[in-house]
Amino acid sequence: MNCNCHKDVVGARLCIYPMQDDFVDVILGAVRDVDRTGLAVITNDLGTTVQGKRERVFSYVKEVFVKAAVLGGHVVANVTFSGGCPGDVPEDFDFAVEVEQKELQEENIPVACAWSLYPMGNEKYMEVIESEVTKIIKAQEVEVDRYHYCTRLDGTVKAVFAVLENSFAAVRKSINHTIIHATISKGSPSKPKEKIQL
């Protein structure tokens, strides 16, 4: 890493699950085709790890998901975003590189997301979480429902990823070690929000 900015490094662990026979081509095609400038990207049998500036990491993950979503029918992504982890070791990448953010034509795909926020080491973590959920509800950019162990977000890819990144950035201003976990689903054959009777 070409800088002295360890505390500003953000990482993500991304797993893509296309519900179709050619899942390998969809996953590797999406991960391979997205620009990795300014990032460390490592893919193995358990998923893809990404490190870099917050903006680049969220942009990369969003674009990989969009590419997979366009190629596949029902596609799910399981993502953990982390910043400020005291045990993290940054890979070698150019942190200082500037990359122009681009609008993705397919960002308006509707998705559902199970979102969990973890402000680490903060005794008043529930207050932090409640504050973020309240802000999201007031902003009305996505539909918000409270579920057990997570908050459900429904909206476009663009809106959902904006909520995830903005919340992550806001919490990190006061709580350096912050984690977000998100399960994002596009094209599920199940009826949205309906409990499935087994």
N, C-alpha and C. Protein backbone atom coordinates (compact mmCIF):
# COMPACT_ATOMS: atom_id res chain seq x y z
N MET A 1 0.87 -1.18 0.00
CA MET A 1 0.00 0.00 0.00
C MET A 1 0.90 1.23 0.00
N ASN A 2 0.68 2.12 -0.94
CA ASN A 2 1.57 3.25 -1.14
C ASN A 2 1.15 4.48 -0.36
N CYS A 3 0.95 4.35 0.94
CA CYS A 3 0.64 5.52 1.76
C CYS A 3 0.66 5.13 3.23
N ASN A 4 0.52 6.14 4.09
CA ASN A 4 0.46 5.88 5.52
C ASN A 4 -0.97 6.14 5.99
N CYS A 5 -1.90 5.32 5.50
CA CYS A 5 -3.32 5.60 5.75
C CYS A 5 -4.06 4.32 6.13
N HIS A 6 -3.41 3.51 6.93
CA HIS A 6 -3.97 2.22 7.33
C HIS A 6 -5.38 2.36 7.91
N LYS A 7 -5.59 3.40 8.74
CA LYS A 7 -6.89 3.56 9.41
C LYS A 7 -8.01 3.89 8.44
N ASP A 8 -7.69 4.38 7.25
CA ASP A 8 -8.71 4.75 6.28
C ASP A 8 -9.06 3.62 5.31
N VAL A 9 -8.32 2.51 5.39
CA VAL A 9 -8.59 1.39 4.48
C VAL A 9 -9.91 0.73 4.84
N VAL A 10 -10.74 0.52 3.85
CA VAL A 10 -12.00 -0.20 4.01
C VAL A 10 -11.90 -1.51 3.24
N GLY A 11 -12.48 -2.54 3.80
CA GLY A 11 -12.48 -3.83 3.14
C GLY A 11 -13.87 -4.37 2.98
N ALA A 12 -14.01 -5.30 2.06
CA ALA A 12 -15.29 -5.99 1.88
C ALA A 12 -15.02 -7.45 1.54
N ARG A 13 -15.91 -8.28 2.01
CA ARG A 13 -15.88 -9.71 1.66
C ARG A 13 -17.18 -9.97 0.91
N LEU A 14 -17.06 -10.38 -0.36
CA LEU A 14 -18.20 -10.48 -1.27
C LEU A 14 -18.36 -11.91 -1.77
N CYS A 15 -19.56 -12.44 -1.63
CA CYS A 15 -19.91 -13.74 -2.21
C CYS A 15 -21.15 -13.56 -3.07
N ILE A 16 -21.07 -14.00 -4.33
CA ILE A 16 -22.19 -13.88 -5.27
C ILE A 16 -22.77 -15.27 -5.53
N TYR A 17 -24.09 -15.36 -5.49
CA TYR A 17 -24.76 -16.64 -5.71
C TYR A 17 -25.82 -16.51 -6.81
N PRO A 18 -25.47 -16.77 -8.06
CA PRO A 18 -26.47 -16.79 -9.13
C PRO A 18 -27.19 -18.15 -9.10
N MET A 19 -28.50 -18.12 -9.06
CA MET A 19 -29.27 -19.36 -8.96
C MET A 19 -29.50 -19.96 -10.35
N GLN A 20 -28.40 -20.42 -10.97
CA GLN A 20 -28.49 -20.99 -12.31
C GLN A 20 -27.29 -21.90 -12.56
N ASP A 21 -27.38 -22.70 -13.63
CA ASP A 21 -26.37 -23.71 -13.89
C ASP A 21 -24.99 -23.13 -14.21
N ASP A 22 -24.95 -22.01 -14.93
CA ASP A 22 -23.65 -21.45 -15.33
C ASP A 22 -23.14 -20.42 -14.31
N PHE A 23 -23.34 -20.72 -13.01
CA PHE A 23 -22.99 -19.77 -11.95
C PHE A 23 -21.51 -19.40 -11.95
N VAL A 24 -20.63 -20.34 -12.32
CA VAL A 24 -19.19 -20.04 -12.32
C VAL A 24 -18.88 -18.91 -13.30
N ASP A 25 -19.43 -19.01 -14.51
CA ASP A 25 -19.18 -17.97 -15.52
C ASP A 25 -19.74 -16.62 -15.09
N VAL A 26 -20.91 -16.64 -14.45
CA VAL A 26 -21.52 -15.38 -14.00
C VAL A 26 -20.66 -14.74 -12.91
N ILE A 27 -20.25 -15.54 -11.92
CA ILE A 27 -19.46 -15.00 -10.80
C ILE A 27 -18.12 -14.47 -11.29
N LEU A 28 -17.35 -15.34 -11.96
CA LEU A 28 -16.00 -14.94 -12.37
C LEU A 28 -16.03 -13.86 -13.43
N GLY A 29 -17.04 -13.90 -14.31
CA GLY A 29 -17.17 -12.84 -15.32
C GLY A 29 -17.38 -11.49 -14.68
N ALA A 30 -18.26 -11.44 -13.67
CA ALA A 30 -18.54 -10.17 -12.99
C ALA A 30 -17.33 -9.67 -12.23
N VAL A 31 -16.67 -10.54 -11.47
CA VAL A 31 -15.50 -10.14 -10.68
C VAL A 31 -14.35 -9.71 -11.58
N ARG A 32 -14.17 -10.41 -12.70
CA ARG A 32 -13.05 -10.15 -13.61
C ARG A 32 -13.24 -8.86 -14.41
N ASP A 33 -14.49 -8.56 -14.79
CA ASP A 33 -14.73 -7.47 -15.74
C ASP A 33 -14.77 -6.08 -15.12
N VAL A 34 -14.87 -5.99 -13.81
CA VAL A 34 -14.99 -4.68 -13.16
C VAL A 34 -13.60 -4.10 -12.89
N ASP A 35 -13.43 -2.81 -13.16
CA ASP A 35 -12.16 -2.11 -12.98
C ASP A 35 -11.67 -2.21 -11.53
N ARG A 36 -10.41 -2.66 -11.35
CA ARG A 36 -9.84 -2.84 -10.00
C ARG A 36 -8.81 -1.77 -9.65
N THR A 37 -8.74 -0.71 -10.42
CA THR A 37 -7.76 0.33 -10.16
C THR A 37 -7.90 0.86 -8.73
N GLY A 38 -6.77 0.93 -8.02
CA GLY A 38 -6.78 1.45 -6.65
C GLY A 38 -7.30 0.48 -5.62
N LEU A 39 -7.43 -0.78 -5.98
CA LEU A 39 -7.96 -1.79 -5.07
C LEU A 39 -7.04 -3.00 -4.99
N ALA A 40 -7.11 -3.70 -3.89
CA ALA A 40 -6.57 -5.05 -3.80
C ALA A 40 -7.76 -5.99 -3.87
N VAL A 41 -7.75 -6.91 -4.84
CA VAL A 41 -8.86 -7.84 -5.03
C VAL A 41 -8.31 -9.26 -5.03
N ILE A 42 -8.81 -10.07 -4.13
CA ILE A 42 -8.36 -11.46 -4.02
C ILE A 42 -9.59 -12.35 -4.05
N THR A 43 -9.62 -13.29 -5.01
CA THR A 43 -10.74 -14.22 -5.14
C THR A 43 -10.27 -15.64 -4.87
N ASN A 44 -11.04 -16.36 -4.07
CA ASN A 44 -10.74 -17.78 -3.85
C ASN A 44 -12.05 -18.55 -3.77
N ASP A 45 -11.99 -19.79 -3.28
CA ASP A 45 -13.18 -20.64 -3.26
C ASP A 45 -14.26 -20.17 -2.28
N LEU A 46 -13.93 -19.24 -1.39
CA LEU A 46 -14.91 -18.74 -0.42
C LEU A 46 -15.48 -17.37 -0.78
N GLY A 47 -14.98 -16.74 -1.84
CA GLY A 47 -15.49 -15.43 -2.23
C GLY A 47 -14.38 -14.49 -2.66
N THR A 48 -14.68 -13.21 -2.65
CA THR A 48 -13.74 -12.17 -3.08
C THR A 48 -13.55 -11.16 -1.96
N THR A 49 -12.30 -10.86 -1.65
CA THR A 49 -11.96 -9.82 -0.68
C THR A 49 -11.47 -8.60 -1.43
N VAL A 50 -11.96 -7.43 -1.03
CA VAL A 50 -11.59 -6.17 -1.67
C VAL A 50 -11.11 -5.20 -0.59
N GLN A 51 -10.02 -4.48 -0.87
CA GLN A 51 -9.54 -3.43 0.04
C GLN A 51 -9.23 -2.17 -0.76
N GLY A 52 -9.46 -1.01 -0.13
CA GLY A 52 -9.15 0.26 -0.78
C GLY A 52 -9.84 1.40 -0.06
N LYS A 53 -9.99 2.52 -0.75
CA LYS A 53 -10.78 3.63 -0.23
C LYS A 53 -12.24 3.22 -0.16
N ARG A 54 -12.95 3.80 0.79
CA ARG A 54 -14.37 3.45 0.95
C ARG A 54 -15.14 3.58 -0.35
N GLU A 55 -14.99 4.70 -1.03
CA GLU A 55 -15.75 4.95 -2.25
C GLU A 55 -15.47 3.90 -3.31
N ARG A 56 -14.20 3.51 -3.44
CA ARG A 56 -13.82 2.51 -4.46
C ARG A 56 -14.36 1.14 -4.10
N VAL A 57 -14.29 0.79 -2.81
CA VAL A 57 -14.75 -0.54 -2.39
C VAL A 57 -16.25 -0.68 -2.61
N PHE A 58 -17.03 0.30 -2.17
CA PHE A 58 -18.48 0.22 -2.36
C PHE A 58 -18.84 0.23 -3.85
N SER A 59 -18.14 1.05 -4.63
CA SER A 59 -18.40 1.12 -6.06
C SER A 59 -18.10 -0.21 -6.75
N TYR A 60 -16.98 -0.84 -6.38
CA TYR A 60 -16.61 -2.12 -6.96
C TYR A 60 -17.64 -3.20 -6.64
N VAL A 61 -18.01 -3.30 -5.37
CA VAL A 61 -18.98 -4.31 -4.96
C VAL A 61 -20.31 -4.10 -5.68
N LYS A 62 -20.75 -2.85 -5.76
CA LYS A 62 -22.01 -2.56 -6.44
C LYS A 62 -21.95 -2.97 -7.90
N GLU A 63 -20.85 -2.64 -8.56
CA GLU A 63 -20.74 -2.95 -9.99
C GLU A 63 -20.66 -4.46 -10.24
N VAL A 64 -19.94 -5.18 -9.37
CA VAL A 64 -19.89 -6.64 -9.51
C VAL A 64 -21.30 -7.22 -9.36
N PHE A 65 -22.03 -6.74 -8.35
CA PHE A 65 -23.40 -7.23 -8.16
C PHE A 65 -24.27 -6.93 -9.37
N VAL A 66 -24.17 -5.72 -9.90
CA VAL A 66 -24.99 -5.33 -11.06
C VAL A 66 -24.66 -6.22 -12.26
N LYS A 67 -23.38 -6.45 -12.51
CA LYS A 67 -22.99 -7.30 -13.65
C LYS A 67 -23.55 -8.71 -13.49
N ALA A 68 -23.45 -9.26 -12.29
CA ALA A 68 -24.00 -10.59 -12.04
C ALA A 68 -25.52 -10.59 -12.16
N ALA A 69 -26.15 -9.53 -11.68
CA ALA A 69 -27.62 -9.43 -11.71
C ALA A 69 -28.13 -9.36 -13.14
N VAL A 70 -27.40 -8.68 -14.02
CA VAL A 70 -27.80 -8.56 -15.42
C VAL A 70 -27.64 -9.91 -16.13
N LEU A 71 -26.59 -10.65 -15.79
CA LEU A 71 -26.33 -11.94 -16.43
C LEU A 71 -27.25 -13.04 -15.91
N GLY A 72 -27.70 -12.91 -14.68
CA GLY A 72 -28.46 -13.98 -14.05
C GLY A 72 -29.91 -13.61 -13.82
N GLY A 73 -30.70 -14.61 -13.41
CA GLY A 73 -32.10 -14.39 -13.05
C GLY A 73 -32.19 -14.02 -11.59
N HIS A 74 -32.26 -15.03 -10.71
CA HIS A 74 -32.25 -14.79 -9.28
C HIS A 74 -30.79 -14.80 -8.82
N VAL A 75 -30.32 -13.66 -8.34
CA VAL A 75 -28.93 -13.52 -7.90
C VAL A 75 -28.91 -12.94 -6.49
N VAL A 76 -28.09 -13.54 -5.63
CA VAL A 76 -27.95 -13.07 -4.25
C VAL A 76 -26.49 -12.74 -3.99
N ALA A 77 -26.25 -11.65 -3.27
CA ALA A 77 -24.90 -11.30 -2.82
C ALA A 77 -24.88 -11.24 -1.31
N ASN A 78 -23.85 -11.80 -0.74
CA ASN A 78 -23.63 -11.74 0.70
C ASN A 78 -22.37 -10.90 0.89
N VAL A 79 -22.49 -9.75 1.55
CA VAL A 79 -21.37 -8.82 1.64
C VAL A 79 -21.14 -8.37 3.08
N THR A 80 -19.88 -8.34 3.48
CA THR A 80 -19.49 -7.73 4.75
C THR A 80 -18.54 -6.59 4.43
N PHE A 81 -18.90 -5.37 4.86
CA PHE A 81 -18.02 -4.20 4.74
C PHE A 81 -17.41 -3.93 6.11
N SER A 82 -16.13 -3.64 6.15
CA SER A 82 -15.46 -3.39 7.43
C SER A 82 -14.46 -2.25 7.30
N GLY A 83 -14.45 -1.41 8.31
CA GLY A 83 -13.46 -0.33 8.38
C GLY A 83 -12.93 -0.20 9.79
N GLY A 84 -11.64 0.07 9.92
CA GLY A 84 -11.06 0.32 11.24
C GLY A 84 -10.79 -0.90 12.07
N CYS A 85 -10.80 -2.08 11.46
CA CYS A 85 -10.53 -3.30 12.23
C CYS A 85 -9.08 -3.29 12.73
N PRO A 86 -8.86 -3.38 14.04
CA PRO A 86 -7.49 -3.30 14.57
C PRO A 86 -6.61 -4.48 14.16
N GLY A 87 -7.23 -5.58 13.74
CA GLY A 87 -6.44 -6.73 13.32
C GLY A 87 -6.24 -6.85 11.83
N ASP A 88 -6.74 -5.87 11.07
CA ASP A 88 -6.66 -5.95 9.62
C ASP A 88 -5.24 -5.64 9.13
N VAL A 89 -4.83 -6.31 8.07
CA VAL A 89 -3.53 -6.07 7.44
C VAL A 89 -3.80 -5.70 5.98
N PRO A 90 -3.52 -4.46 5.59
CA PRO A 90 -3.78 -4.05 4.21
C PRO A 90 -2.87 -4.78 3.21
N GLU A 91 -3.44 -5.12 2.07
CA GLU A 91 -2.66 -5.67 0.96
C GLU A 91 -1.95 -4.51 0.27
N ASP A 92 -1.20 -4.82 -0.77
CA ASP A 92 -0.46 -3.79 -1.51
C ASP A 92 -1.32 -3.25 -2.65
N PHE A 93 -1.68 -1.98 -2.58
CA PHE A 93 -2.42 -1.33 -3.66
C PHE A 93 -2.18 0.16 -3.58
N ASP A 94 -2.53 0.88 -4.62
CA ASP A 94 -2.30 2.32 -4.68
C ASP A 94 -3.51 3.05 -4.10
N PHE A 95 -3.42 3.41 -2.82
CA PHE A 95 -4.53 4.05 -2.12
C PHE A 95 -4.80 5.45 -2.67
N ALA A 96 -3.76 6.10 -3.19
CA ALA A 96 -3.88 7.51 -3.60
C ALA A 96 -4.49 7.68 -4.98
N VAL A 97 -4.68 6.62 -5.73
CA VAL A 97 -5.17 6.75 -7.10
C VAL A 97 -6.60 7.31 -7.10
N GLU A 98 -6.87 8.17 -8.05
CA GLU A 98 -8.21 8.75 -8.20
C GLU A 98 -8.91 8.08 -9.38
N VAL A 99 -10.11 7.59 -9.16
CA VAL A 99 -10.89 6.94 -10.21
C VAL A 99 -12.24 7.63 -10.30
N GLU A 100 -12.62 8.00 -11.51
CA GLU A 100 -13.89 8.70 -11.70
C GLU A 100 -15.05 7.74 -11.44
N GLN A 101 -15.98 8.16 -10.61
CA GLN A 101 -17.16 7.35 -10.34
C GLN A 101 -18.06 7.38 -11.57
N LYS A 102 -18.60 6.22 -11.92
CA LYS A 102 -19.46 6.19 -13.10
C LYS A 102 -20.85 5.71 -12.73
N GLU A 103 -21.82 6.22 -13.47
CA GLU A 103 -23.20 5.78 -13.30
C GLU A 103 -23.38 4.49 -14.09
N LEU A 104 -24.02 3.52 -13.47
CA LEU A 104 -24.29 2.26 -14.15
C LEU A 104 -25.71 2.30 -14.71
N GLN A 105 -25.84 1.94 -15.97
CA GLN A 105 -27.14 2.00 -16.63
C GLN A 105 -28.16 1.12 -15.94
N GLU A 106 -27.68 0.01 -15.35
CA GLU A 106 -28.58 -0.98 -14.77
C GLU A 106 -28.82 -0.77 -13.27
N GLU A 107 -28.43 0.39 -12.72
CA GLU A 107 -28.54 0.62 -11.27
C GLU A 107 -29.99 0.69 -10.77
N ASN A 108 -30.93 0.75 -11.68
CA ASN A 108 -32.33 0.87 -11.25
C ASN A 108 -33.04 -0.47 -11.11
N ILE A 109 -32.27 -1.56 -11.14
CA ILE A 109 -32.83 -2.89 -10.89
C ILE A 109 -33.37 -2.92 -9.45
N PRO A 110 -34.60 -3.41 -9.24
CA PRO A 110 -35.11 -3.51 -7.86
C PRO A 110 -34.48 -4.67 -7.10
N VAL A 111 -34.15 -4.43 -5.84
CA VAL A 111 -33.56 -5.46 -4.99
C VAL A 111 -34.15 -5.38 -3.59
N ALA A 112 -33.98 -6.47 -2.86
CA ALA A 112 -34.28 -6.50 -1.42
C ALA A 112 -32.97 -6.74 -0.69
N CYS A 113 -32.85 -6.16 0.49
CA CYS A 113 -31.59 -6.26 1.23
C CYS A 113 -31.86 -6.43 2.72
N ALA A 114 -31.22 -7.44 3.30
CA ALA A 114 -31.21 -7.59 4.75
C ALA A 114 -29.92 -6.96 5.26
N TRP A 115 -30.05 -5.89 6.04
CA TRP A 115 -28.91 -5.06 6.43
C TRP A 115 -28.73 -5.09 7.94
N SER A 116 -27.49 -5.32 8.36
CA SER A 116 -27.16 -5.30 9.79
C SER A 116 -25.94 -4.41 10.00
N LEU A 117 -26.02 -3.56 11.02
CA LEU A 117 -24.95 -2.60 11.34
C LEU A 117 -24.32 -2.97 12.67
N TYR A 118 -22.99 -2.97 12.70
CA TYR A 118 -22.26 -3.32 13.93
C TYR A 118 -21.25 -2.23 14.28
N PRO A 119 -21.61 -1.28 15.16
CA PRO A 119 -20.65 -0.27 15.63
C PRO A 119 -19.81 -0.91 16.75
N MET A 120 -18.61 -1.34 16.42
CA MET A 120 -17.83 -2.17 17.33
C MET A 120 -17.24 -1.36 18.49
N GLY A 121 -17.25 -1.97 19.67
CA GLY A 121 -16.63 -1.37 20.84
C GLY A 121 -17.40 -0.20 21.43
N ASN A 122 -18.65 -0.05 21.05
CA ASN A 122 -19.44 1.07 21.56
C ASN A 122 -20.54 0.53 22.47
N GLU A 123 -20.53 0.97 23.72
CA GLU A 123 -21.51 0.46 24.69
C GLU A 123 -22.94 0.85 24.33
N LYS A 124 -23.10 1.95 23.61
CA LYS A 124 -24.43 2.42 23.24
C LYS A 124 -24.74 2.05 21.78
N TYR A 125 -24.32 0.86 21.38
CA TYR A 125 -24.45 0.44 19.99
C TYR A 125 -25.91 0.44 19.51
N MET A 126 -26.85 0.08 20.39
CA MET A 126 -28.26 0.05 19.96
C MET A 126 -28.77 1.45 19.63
N GLU A 127 -28.29 2.44 20.36
CA GLU A 127 -28.67 3.83 20.05
C GLU A 127 -28.14 4.25 18.69
N VAL A 128 -26.91 3.82 18.39
CA VAL A 128 -26.31 4.14 17.08
C VAL A 128 -27.11 3.48 15.97
N ILE A 129 -27.44 2.22 16.15
CA ILE A 129 -28.20 1.48 15.14
C ILE A 129 -29.58 2.10 14.95
N GLU A 130 -30.28 2.38 16.04
CA GLU A 130 -31.62 2.98 15.97
C GLU A 130 -31.57 4.34 15.26
N SER A 131 -30.54 5.12 15.55
CA SER A 131 -30.40 6.43 14.92
C SER A 131 -30.26 6.30 13.41
N GLU A 132 -29.46 5.33 12.95
CA GLU A 132 -29.27 5.14 11.51
C GLU A 132 -30.55 4.64 10.85
N VAL A 133 -31.24 3.71 11.49
CA VAL A 133 -32.49 3.21 10.92
C VAL A 133 -33.52 4.34 10.82
N THR A 134 -33.60 5.17 11.85
CA THR A 134 -34.53 6.30 11.85
C THR A 134 -34.21 7.28 10.72
N LYS A 135 -32.91 7.54 10.50
CA LYS A 135 -32.50 8.43 9.40
C LYS A 135 -32.93 7.88 8.06
N ILE A 136 -32.77 6.58 7.88
CA ILE A 136 -33.12 5.94 6.61
C ILE A 136 -34.63 6.00 6.38
N ILE A 137 -35.40 5.76 7.43
CA ILE A 137 -36.85 5.83 7.31
C ILE A 137 -37.28 7.25 6.92
N LYS A 138 -36.71 8.26 7.56
CA LYS A 138 -37.06 9.66 7.27
C LYS A 138 -36.68 10.07 5.85
N ALA A 139 -35.55 9.53 5.33
CA ALA A 139 -35.08 9.91 3.99
C ALA A 139 -36.01 9.38 2.90
N GLN A 140 -36.72 8.28 3.16
CA GLN A 140 -37.70 7.72 2.24
C GLN A 140 -37.13 7.40 0.86
N GLU A 141 -35.84 7.03 0.81
CA GLU A 141 -35.24 6.65 -0.48
C GLU A 141 -35.43 5.16 -0.74
N VAL A 142 -35.66 4.40 0.32
CA VAL A 142 -35.95 2.97 0.21
C VAL A 142 -37.07 2.63 1.18
N GLU A 143 -37.75 1.51 0.94
CA GLU A 143 -38.72 1.01 1.91
C GLU A 143 -37.96 0.34 3.05
N VAL A 144 -38.40 0.56 4.27
CA VAL A 144 -37.70 0.03 5.44
C VAL A 144 -38.66 -0.79 6.29
N ASP A 145 -38.23 -2.00 6.63
CA ASP A 145 -39.00 -2.86 7.54
C ASP A 145 -38.05 -3.44 8.57
N ARG A 146 -38.50 -3.49 9.82
CA ARG A 146 -37.68 -4.06 10.90
C ARG A 146 -37.95 -5.55 10.99
N TYR A 147 -36.89 -6.33 10.88
CA TYR A 147 -36.97 -7.78 11.00
C TYR A 147 -36.14 -8.21 12.20
N HIS A 148 -36.27 -9.48 12.58
CA HIS A 148 -35.39 -10.02 13.60
C HIS A 148 -33.95 -10.00 13.07
N TYR A 149 -33.04 -9.43 13.84
CA TYR A 149 -31.59 -9.47 13.59
C TYR A 149 -31.14 -8.69 12.36
N CYS A 150 -32.03 -7.95 11.72
CA CYS A 150 -31.62 -7.14 10.57
C CYS A 150 -32.72 -6.12 10.27
N THR A 151 -32.40 -5.20 9.37
CA THR A 151 -33.38 -4.25 8.84
C THR A 151 -33.53 -4.54 7.35
N ARG A 152 -34.75 -4.64 6.89
CA ARG A 152 -34.99 -4.92 5.46
C ARG A 152 -35.09 -3.60 4.70
N LEU A 153 -34.35 -3.53 3.57
CA LEU A 153 -34.39 -2.38 2.68
C LEU A 153 -34.87 -2.86 1.31
N ASP A 154 -35.84 -2.19 0.74
CA ASP A 154 -36.31 -2.49 -0.62
C ASP A 154 -36.20 -1.23 -1.46
N GLY A 155 -35.57 -1.36 -2.62
CA GLY A 155 -35.40 -0.22 -3.51
C GLY A 155 -34.55 -0.61 -4.69
N THR A 156 -34.05 0.36 -5.41
CA THR A 156 -33.16 0.08 -6.53
C THR A 156 -31.76 -0.24 -6.01
N VAL A 157 -30.95 -0.86 -6.86
CA VAL A 157 -29.55 -1.11 -6.49
C VAL A 157 -28.89 0.19 -6.07
N LYS A 158 -29.11 1.24 -6.84
CA LYS A 158 -28.48 2.54 -6.56
C LYS A 158 -28.89 3.06 -5.18
N ALA A 159 -30.17 3.01 -4.87
CA ALA A 159 -30.67 3.54 -3.60
C ALA A 159 -30.18 2.70 -2.42
N VAL A 160 -30.22 1.39 -2.56
CA VAL A 160 -29.81 0.51 -1.46
C VAL A 160 -28.33 0.66 -1.17
N PHE A 161 -27.49 0.67 -2.21
CA PHE A 161 -26.06 0.83 -1.98
C PHE A 161 -25.73 2.21 -1.42
N ALA A 162 -26.49 3.23 -1.81
CA ALA A 162 -26.28 4.57 -1.25
C ALA A 162 -26.58 4.57 0.25
N VAL A 163 -27.65 3.89 0.65
CA VAL A 163 -27.98 3.78 2.08
C VAL A 163 -26.86 3.08 2.83
N LEU A 164 -26.39 1.95 2.29
CA LEU A 164 -25.32 1.19 2.95
C LEU A 164 -24.07 2.04 3.13
N GLU A 165 -23.64 2.69 2.05
CA GLU A 165 -22.40 3.47 2.13
C GLU A 165 -22.55 4.70 3.01
N ASN A 166 -23.66 5.42 2.89
CA ASN A 166 -23.86 6.63 3.69
C ASN A 166 -23.93 6.30 5.17
N SER A 167 -24.59 5.22 5.52
CA SER A 167 -24.69 4.81 6.91
C SER A 167 -23.32 4.41 7.45
N PHE A 168 -22.59 3.63 6.66
CA PHE A 168 -21.24 3.20 7.03
C PHE A 168 -20.35 4.41 7.29
N ALA A 169 -20.37 5.37 6.36
CA ALA A 169 -19.53 6.57 6.49
C ALA A 169 -19.94 7.41 7.69
N ALA A 170 -21.24 7.54 7.93
CA ALA A 170 -21.71 8.36 9.05
C ALA A 170 -21.29 7.76 10.39
N VAL A 171 -21.44 6.46 10.54
CA VAL A 171 -21.09 5.82 11.81
C VAL A 171 -19.58 5.87 12.04
N ARG A 172 -18.80 5.72 10.97
CA ARG A 172 -17.34 5.71 11.13
C ARG A 172 -16.77 7.06 11.57
N LYS A 173 -17.54 8.11 11.44
CA LYS A 173 -17.05 9.42 11.91
C LYS A 173 -16.83 9.42 13.41
N SER A 174 -17.60 8.63 14.13
CA SER A 174 -17.45 8.59 15.58
C SER A 174 -17.01 7.21 16.09
N ILE A 175 -17.21 6.17 15.29
CA ILE A 175 -16.84 4.81 15.71
C ILE A 175 -15.97 4.22 14.61
N ASN A 176 -14.66 4.22 14.82
CA ASN A 176 -13.75 3.84 13.75
C ASN A 176 -13.99 2.43 13.26
N HIS A 177 -14.11 1.47 14.18
CA HIS A 177 -14.30 0.08 13.75
C HIS A 177 -15.79 -0.18 13.56
N THR A 178 -16.22 -0.15 12.31
CA THR A 178 -17.61 -0.32 11.96
C THR A 178 -17.74 -1.43 10.92
N ILE A 179 -18.76 -2.26 11.09
CA ILE A 179 -19.02 -3.36 10.16
C ILE A 179 -20.46 -3.29 9.70
N ILE A 180 -20.67 -3.55 8.42
CA ILE A 180 -22.01 -3.70 7.88
C ILE A 180 -22.08 -5.07 7.21
N HIS A 181 -23.15 -5.79 7.49
CA HIS A 181 -23.40 -7.03 6.76
C HIS A 181 -24.68 -6.85 5.94
N ALA A 182 -24.64 -7.28 4.69
CA ALA A 182 -25.81 -7.13 3.83
C ALA A 182 -25.99 -8.37 2.96
N THR A 183 -27.22 -8.85 2.91
CA THR A 183 -27.61 -9.88 1.95
C THR A 183 -28.56 -9.21 0.96
N ILE A 184 -28.15 -9.18 -0.31
CA ILE A 184 -28.89 -8.44 -1.34
C ILE A 184 -29.43 -9.45 -2.36
N SER A 185 -30.72 -9.36 -2.64
CA SER A 185 -31.36 -10.33 -3.53
C SER A 185 -32.08 -9.63 -4.67
N LYS A 186 -31.83 -10.14 -5.88
CA LYS A 186 -32.51 -9.63 -7.08
C LYS A 186 -33.21 -10.79 -7.78
N GLY A 187 -34.47 -10.59 -8.15
CA GLY A 187 -35.18 -11.56 -8.97
C GLY A 187 -35.65 -12.80 -8.25
N SER A 188 -35.85 -12.72 -6.96
CA SER A 188 -36.34 -13.90 -6.22
C SER A 188 -37.72 -14.30 -6.71
N PRO A 189 -37.96 -15.61 -6.87
CA PRO A 189 -39.30 -16.06 -7.27
C PRO A 189 -40.31 -16.00 -6.13
N SER A 190 -39.84 -15.78 -4.91
CA SER A 190 -40.75 -15.68 -3.76
C SER A 190 -41.46 -14.33 -3.77
N LYS A 191 -42.67 -14.30 -3.24
CA LYS A 191 -43.41 -13.04 -3.14
C LYS A 191 -42.76 -12.18 -2.07
N PRO A 192 -42.44 -10.91 -2.38
CA PRO A 192 -41.74 -10.06 -1.40
C PRO A 192 -42.48 -9.95 -0.08
N LYS A 193 -41.74 -10.11 1.01
CA LYS A 193 -42.21 -9.88 2.38
C LYS A 193 -43.25 -10.90 2.87
N GLU A 194 -43.60 -11.86 2.05
CA GLU A 194 -44.59 -12.84 2.47
C GLU A 194 -43.93 -13.99 3.22
N LYS A 195 -44.46 -14.34 4.37
CA LYS A 195 -43.94 -15.48 5.12
C LYS A 195 -44.28 -16.76 4.36
N ILE A 196 -43.28 -17.59 4.19
CA ILE A 196 -43.47 -18.85 3.49
C ILE A 196 -43.92 -19.92 4.49
N GLN A 197 -45.06 -20.50 4.24
CA GLN A 197 -45.58 -21.55 5.11
C GLN A 197 -44.93 -22.88 4.76
N LEU A 198 -44.30 -23.51 5.72
CA LEU A 198 -43.58 -24.76 5.46
C LEU A 198 -44.36 -25.95 6.01
